Amino acid sequence: MGSEAYQAQVLRAFFDTITGTDRNLTRVYLCVITVAKLRGESPEKLTFLKDQMIKSRAKHELSVDILDYMVDAANSLENKAVYSAFGIPESADADDFGSISLDSL
């Protein structure tokens, strides 16, 4: 749980950076590599992520592969860790649903 909470905090820093006014690619790079190392990614995956960050710096826009990786990392975390990192209070009476059936429409 501790690692997931830290990953969630790093992911929050990543999303705050890319949506904020100071879109510092060095900060984005640090967030991406930190999450990759915390997830125990292979050296090949780390190299791929580093190459995507180099391309992002050259093109002055963030690679879709980086965004996809970070969203996948956020999606794989436990909800409790993400809620606490983003400062969202857990609600005991919140309804959770996985899908919507056509009958309910």
Protein backbone atom coordinates (compact mmCIF):
# COMPACT_ATOMS: atom_id res chain seq x y z
CA MET A 1 0.00 0.00 0.00
CA GLY A 2 2.86 2.40 0.76
CA SER A 3 4.30 2.08 -2.73
CA GLU A 4 0.87 2.60 -4.27
CA ALA A 5 0.30 5.74 -2.20
CA TYR A 6 3.66 7.12 -3.34
CA GLN A 7 2.90 6.21 -6.97
CA ALA A 8 -0.43 8.01 -6.68
CA GLN A 9 1.31 11.12 -5.32
CA VAL A 10 3.81 11.07 -8.19
CA LEU A 11 0.96 10.62 -10.67
CA ARG A 12 -0.79 13.61 -9.12
CA ALA A 13 2.38 15.67 -9.56
CA PHE A 14 2.53 14.53 -13.19
CA PHE A 15 -1.06 15.51 -13.95
CA ASP A 16 -0.67 18.80 -12.05
CA THR A 17 2.39 19.58 -14.14
CA ILE A 18 0.88 18.81 -17.53
CA THR A 19 -2.35 20.67 -16.78
CA GLY A 20 -0.80 23.63 -14.95
CA THR A 21 0.72 26.80 -16.26
CA ASP A 22 4.34 25.62 -15.83
CA ARG A 23 4.59 22.59 -18.11
CA ASN A 24 8.16 21.71 -17.22
CA LEU A 25 9.30 18.66 -19.23
CA THR A 26 12.08 17.92 -16.75
CA ARG A 27 9.48 17.56 -13.99
CA VAL A 28 7.34 15.39 -16.30
CA TYR A 29 10.38 13.23 -17.10
CA LEU A 30 11.12 12.73 -13.39
CA CYS A 31 7.51 11.72 -12.70
CA VAL A 32 7.45 9.22 -15.57
CA ILE A 33 10.75 7.58 -14.65
CA THR A 34 9.83 7.48 -10.94
CA VAL A 35 6.54 5.70 -11.66
CA ALA A 36 8.29 3.29 -14.04
CA LYS A 37 10.91 2.41 -11.43
CA LEU A 38 8.29 2.02 -8.69
CA ARG A 39 6.35 -0.34 -10.95
CA GLY A 40 9.53 -2.35 -11.61
CA GLU A 41 9.47 -1.91 -15.37
CA SER A 42 11.98 -3.70 -17.56
CA PRO A 43 15.07 -1.87 -18.88
CA GLU A 44 13.53 -2.00 -22.36
CA LYS A 45 10.40 -0.21 -21.15
CA LEU A 46 12.51 2.41 -19.36
CA THR A 47 14.50 2.99 -22.55
CA PHE A 48 11.28 3.33 -24.54
CA LEU A 49 9.90 5.88 -22.06
CA LYS A 50 13.17 7.85 -22.11
CA ASP A 51 13.13 7.88 -25.93
CA GLN A 52 9.54 9.14 -25.91
CA MET A 53 10.52 11.95 -23.54
CA ILE A 54 13.42 12.94 -25.81
CA LYS A 55 11.01 13.04 -28.77
CA SER A 56 8.55 15.06 -26.68
CA ARG A 57 11.23 17.62 -25.89
CA ALA A 58 12.20 17.88 -29.57
CA LYS A 59 8.60 18.30 -30.76
CA HIS A 60 7.54 20.53 -27.82
CA GLU A 61 4.51 18.34 -27.15
CA LEU A 62 4.01 15.39 -24.84
CA SER A 63 3.97 11.99 -26.50
CA VAL A 64 0.69 10.08 -26.50
CA ASP A 65 2.67 6.99 -25.42
CA ILE A 66 3.73 8.81 -22.23
CA LEU A 67 0.16 9.86 -21.49
CA ASP A 68 -1.06 6.33 -22.18
CA TYR A 69 1.56 4.86 -19.85
CA MET A 70 0.74 7.24 -17.00
CA VAL A 71 -3.01 6.73 -17.36
CA ASP A 72 -2.45 2.95 -17.34
CA ALA A 73 -0.35 3.32 -14.18
CA ALA A 74 -3.10 5.37 -12.53
CA ASN A 75 -5.73 2.87 -13.59
CA SER A 76 -3.81 -0.03 -12.07
CA LEU A 77 -3.63 1.56 -8.61
CA GLU A 78 -5.99 0.81 -5.78
CA ASN A 79 -8.76 3.43 -5.46
CA LYS A 80 -7.96 4.14 -1.81
CA ALA A 81 -4.39 5.20 -2.63
CA VAL A 82 -5.54 7.42 -5.47
CA TYR A 83 -8.29 9.02 -3.38
CA SER A 84 -5.88 9.90 -0.60
CA ALA A 85 -3.21 11.26 -2.99
CA PHE A 86 -5.70 13.48 -4.79
CA GLY A 87 -7.36 14.59 -1.55
CA ILE A 88 -10.73 13.04 -2.31
CA PRO A 89 -12.64 11.99 0.81
CA GLU A 90 -13.90 8.44 0.69
CA SER A 91 -17.63 8.18 0.93
CA ALA A 92 -19.11 5.03 2.44
CA ASP A 93 -22.41 5.58 0.68
CA ALA A 94 -20.98 6.23 -2.79
CA ASP A 95 -22.44 4.06 -5.50
CA ASP A 96 -19.92 2.18 -7.54
CA PHE A 97 -20.87 0.73 -10.88
CA GLY A 98 -18.90 -1.03 -13.54
CA SER A 99 -21.24 -0.68 -16.49
CA ILE A 100 -24.61 0.53 -17.67
CA SER A 101 -27.09 -1.89 -19.13
CA LEU A 102 -29.32 -1.00 -22.05
CA ASP A 103 -32.37 -1.82 -19.90
CA SER A 104 -31.58 1.06 -17.55
CA LEU A 105 -31.60 3.65 -20.33
